[in-house]
Amino acid sequence: MTLWDLLKPITRAMAGSKPRRPVEPRRAAVRRRAITTKPPAPPTTATAPTASAARAPRATMEEKYEAMTRDMLARHDIRVRKWRSNMSGIAWYVTYRDGRVQRLIESPRPRGPMSAAIFLHEVGHHAIGFNVYKPRCLEEYHAWQFSLREMERLGLNITPSVHKRVQRSLKYAVAKAVRRGIKEVPPELAVYLRNGTDH
């Protein structure tokens, strides 16, 4: 035993303190944060698509005429021999020895109401069939009816000039039939006989 061992209880009593426990190091507190996801914010007026932007662009009249032309030629298997520069047309067909039939037309390229009406009239001859309606003036009548029906179905403008052209064409067809000695004018065309024969 040493002198310090004898003095240690005395110094503790004088200090009036209890022996201290060794200080343990503090653990750092670990905070856990809950990860939350916010719902996406609703689109603002600046980013939301407008009704006009969502709507498909309208086809121009030129595009409508072009689409109609392609569709009619493909549907009736017709080849355009020539696009005419004037407002006239013709339709015919060629039958080959092997039985193939080539359907042909000449007409103005459809770019407006009148040229579209004439084009569809020539297509109409192939659509209704040649020599199905007799006499010839009756075939002309049905070809024009086909033209007007298709223009109406496709939403193409049928102007007063188009109606006038149809009337003049049918008056001419009836007058030609009368000159050639037709015995009886079909009932559908009687009105064009009464209204004169000018063309």
Protein backbone atom coordinates (compact mmCIF):
# COMPACT_ATOMS: atom_id res chain seq x y z
CA MET A 1 0.00 0.00 0.00
CA THR A 2 1.20 3.43 -0.95
CA LEU A 3 0.77 6.82 0.62
CA TRP A 4 -1.68 7.75 -2.19
CA ASP A 5 -3.88 4.85 -1.30
CA LEU A 6 -4.20 6.19 2.22
CA LEU A 7 -4.89 9.77 1.06
CA LYS A 8 -7.45 8.96 -1.70
CA PRO A 9 -10.46 8.45 0.69
CA ILE A 10 -9.63 11.66 2.52
CA THR A 11 -9.51 13.75 -0.66
CA ARG A 12 -12.82 12.27 -1.80
CA ALA A 13 -14.48 13.15 1.48
CA MET A 14 -13.17 16.69 1.29
CA ALA A 15 -14.38 17.17 -2.25
CA GLY A 16 -17.85 15.87 -1.26
CA SER A 17 -18.36 14.21 -4.55
CA LYS A 18 -19.10 10.71 -5.57
CA PRO A 19 -16.86 8.96 -8.00
CA ARG A 20 -17.84 9.84 -11.53
CA ARG A 21 -18.69 7.24 -14.03
CA PRO A 22 -16.83 7.35 -17.25
CA VAL A 23 -18.71 9.42 -19.80
CA GLU A 24 -20.01 7.32 -22.66
CA PRO A 25 -19.87 8.91 -26.05
CA ARG A 26 -23.29 10.06 -27.29
CA ARG A 27 -24.71 8.47 -30.33
CA ALA A 28 -25.73 10.82 -33.00
CA ALA A 29 -29.47 10.87 -33.37
CA VAL A 30 -30.55 9.44 -36.69
CA ARG A 31 -33.60 11.13 -38.12
CA ARG A 32 -35.55 9.27 -40.69
CA ARG A 33 -37.43 11.35 -43.21
CA ALA A 34 -40.39 9.85 -44.92
CA ILE A 35 -40.02 10.26 -48.66
CA THR A 36 -43.21 11.59 -50.07
CA THR A 37 -43.98 12.26 -53.69
CA LYS A 38 -46.17 15.16 -54.60
CA PRO A 39 -48.90 14.56 -57.16
CA PRO A 40 -48.20 16.26 -60.49
CA ALA A 41 -49.56 19.75 -60.68
CA PRO A 42 -52.54 20.20 -62.99
CA PRO A 43 -51.64 21.76 -66.34
CA THR A 44 -51.86 25.50 -66.37
CA THR A 45 -53.58 27.45 -69.10
CA ALA A 46 -50.19 28.15 -70.65
CA THR A 47 -49.29 24.45 -71.04
CA ALA A 48 -52.74 22.90 -71.56
CA PRO A 49 -53.44 22.14 -75.27
CA THR A 50 -56.05 24.41 -76.75
CA ALA A 51 -59.03 23.11 -78.72
CA SER A 52 -57.67 24.59 -81.96
CA ALA A 53 -54.28 22.93 -81.48
CA ALA A 54 -55.86 19.53 -80.76
CA ARG A 55 -58.05 19.75 -83.85
CA ALA A 56 -56.58 18.33 -87.06
CA PRO A 57 -55.89 20.95 -89.75
CA ARG A 58 -58.55 21.19 -92.40
CA ALA A 59 -57.71 20.13 -95.94
CA THR A 60 -57.61 22.94 -98.47
CA MET A 61 -59.96 22.85 -101.46
CA GLU A 62 -57.00 22.06 -103.71
CA GLU A 63 -56.18 19.03 -101.54
CA LYS A 64 -59.83 17.93 -101.57
CA TYR A 65 -59.96 18.08 -105.38
CA GLU A 66 -56.69 16.14 -105.66
CA ALA A 67 -57.87 13.48 -103.22
CA MET A 68 -61.19 13.14 -105.07
CA THR A 69 -59.39 12.79 -108.42
CA ARG A 70 -57.04 10.07 -107.17
CA ASP A 71 -59.89 8.18 -105.51
CA MET A 72 -62.19 8.25 -108.54
CA LEU A 73 -59.51 7.15 -111.00
CA ALA A 74 -58.42 4.29 -108.73
CA ARG A 75 -61.95 3.21 -107.80
CA HIS A 76 -63.13 2.92 -111.41
CA ASP A 77 -59.76 1.87 -112.87
CA ILE A 78 -59.61 4.83 -115.26
CA ARG A 79 -56.57 6.28 -116.99
CA VAL A 80 -56.44 9.95 -117.99
CA ARG A 81 -55.17 10.16 -121.54
CA LYS A 82 -54.94 13.94 -121.42
CA TRP A 83 -55.80 16.80 -119.08
CA ARG A 84 -57.59 19.33 -121.28
CA SER A 85 -57.09 23.07 -120.93
CA ASN A 86 -60.72 23.84 -121.86
CA MET A 87 -63.98 22.86 -120.17
CA SER A 88 -64.79 19.81 -122.28
CA GLY A 89 -64.32 16.09 -121.90
CA ILE A 90 -64.76 12.67 -123.41
CA ALA A 91 -64.92 9.11 -122.10
CA TRP A 92 -64.30 5.85 -123.94
CA TYR A 93 -62.87 2.38 -123.50
CA VAL A 94 -60.68 -0.01 -125.46
CA THR A 95 -61.18 -3.79 -125.38
CA TYR A 96 -58.09 -5.87 -126.17
CA ARG A 97 -57.99 -9.35 -127.70
CA ASP A 98 -57.10 -10.94 -124.37
CA GLY A 99 -60.27 -9.48 -122.83
CA ARG A 100 -58.63 -6.59 -120.97
CA VAL A 101 -60.58 -3.33 -120.92
CA GLN A 102 -58.82 0.00 -120.73
CA ARG A 103 -61.04 2.83 -119.46
CA LEU A 104 -59.97 6.24 -120.66
CA ILE A 105 -61.03 9.85 -120.27
CA GLU A 106 -59.98 13.33 -121.25
CA SER A 107 -61.16 16.22 -119.11
CA PRO A 108 -59.95 19.36 -117.33
CA ARG A 109 -58.01 18.66 -114.14
CA PRO A 110 -60.39 19.30 -111.21
CA ARG A 111 -59.40 22.61 -109.61
CA GLY A 112 -62.82 24.17 -109.09
CA PRO A 113 -66.55 23.42 -109.25
CA MET A 114 -66.87 23.45 -113.05
CA SER A 115 -63.78 21.38 -113.86
CA ALA A 116 -64.71 18.93 -111.09
CA ALA A 117 -68.24 18.54 -112.46
CA ILE A 118 -66.97 17.81 -115.98
CA PHE A 119 -64.33 15.37 -114.68
CA LEU A 120 -66.95 13.51 -112.62
CA HIS A 121 -69.33 13.48 -115.59
CA GLU A 122 -66.72 11.64 -117.68
CA VAL A 123 -66.01 9.27 -114.79
CA GLY A 124 -69.77 8.78 -114.56
CA HIS A 125 -69.90 7.27 -118.05
CA HIS A 126 -67.60 4.48 -116.84
CA ALA A 127 -69.35 4.18 -113.47
CA ILE A 128 -72.84 3.68 -114.91
CA GLY A 129 -71.57 1.69 -117.93
CA PHE A 130 -71.67 2.37 -121.64
CA ASN A 131 -74.79 1.34 -123.59
CA VAL A 132 -76.66 0.56 -120.37
CA TYR A 133 -79.02 3.49 -120.88
CA LYS A 134 -80.46 4.15 -124.32
CA PRO A 135 -80.82 6.44 -126.16
CA ARG A 136 -77.51 8.24 -125.84
CA CYS A 137 -79.13 11.38 -124.36
CA LEU A 138 -80.37 9.27 -121.42
CA GLU A 139 -76.83 8.08 -120.77
CA GLU A 140 -75.74 11.72 -120.69
CA TYR A 141 -78.46 12.45 -118.16
CA HIS A 142 -77.34 9.66 -115.80
CA ALA A 143 -73.68 10.63 -116.16
CA TRP A 144 -74.56 14.16 -115.06
CA GLN A 145 -76.64 12.81 -112.18
CA PHE A 146 -73.63 10.77 -111.06
CA SER A 147 -71.48 13.91 -111.20
CA LEU A 148 -73.86 16.01 -109.09
CA ARG A 149 -74.42 13.23 -106.54
CA GLU A 150 -70.68 12.73 -106.04
CA MET A 151 -70.06 16.46 -105.68
CA GLU A 152 -72.79 16.67 -103.05
CA ARG A 153 -71.49 13.57 -101.24
CA LEU A 154 -67.94 14.95 -101.15
CA GLY A 155 -69.04 18.39 -100.01
CA LEU A 156 -67.86 20.11 -103.19
CA ASN A 157 -69.47 23.40 -104.14
CA ILE A 158 -72.14 23.06 -106.84
CA THR A 159 -72.42 26.55 -108.23
CA PRO A 160 -75.22 28.02 -110.37
CA SER A 161 -72.77 27.87 -113.28
CA VAL A 162 -72.50 24.11 -112.85
CA HIS A 163 -76.29 23.71 -112.85
CA LYS A 164 -76.49 25.88 -115.96
CA ARG A 165 -73.83 23.79 -117.67
CA VAL A 166 -75.78 20.58 -116.91
CA GLN A 167 -78.99 22.07 -118.34
CA ARG A 168 -77.29 23.32 -121.50
CA SER A 169 -75.55 19.99 -122.02
CA LEU A 170 -78.79 18.01 -121.69
CA LYS A 171 -80.71 20.41 -123.93
CA TYR A 172 -78.03 19.90 -126.54
CA ALA A 173 -78.15 16.09 -126.13
CA VAL A 174 -81.95 16.04 -126.52
CA ALA A 175 -81.84 18.36 -129.55
CA LYS A 176 -79.23 16.11 -131.16
CA ALA A 177 -81.43 13.06 -130.56
CA VAL A 178 -84.42 14.85 -132.11
CA ARG A 179 -82.38 15.79 -135.18
CA ARG A 180 -81.41 12.15 -135.57
CA GLY A 181 -85.06 11.12 -135.55
CA ILE A 182 -85.68 9.84 -132.02
CA LYS A 183 -89.21 8.49 -131.75
CA GLU A 184 -89.78 9.26 -128.09
CA VAL A 185 -87.82 11.36 -125.65
CA PRO A 186 -87.31 9.62 -122.25
CA PRO A 187 -89.53 11.10 -119.50
CA GLU A 188 -86.46 12.26 -117.52
CA LEU A 189 -85.49 14.49 -120.45
CA ALA A 190 -88.91 15.84 -121.49
CA VAL A 191 -88.30 19.05 -119.54
CA TYR A 192 -85.22 19.79 -121.66
CA LEU A 193 -87.22 19.33 -124.82
CA ARG A 194 -89.84 21.82 -123.67
CA ASN A 195 -87.27 24.39 -122.58
CA GLY A 196 -85.73 24.67 -126.01
CA THR A 197 -82.73 23.21 -127.74
CA ASP A 198 -80.07 25.92 -127.36
CA HIS A 199 -76.58 24.90 -126.21
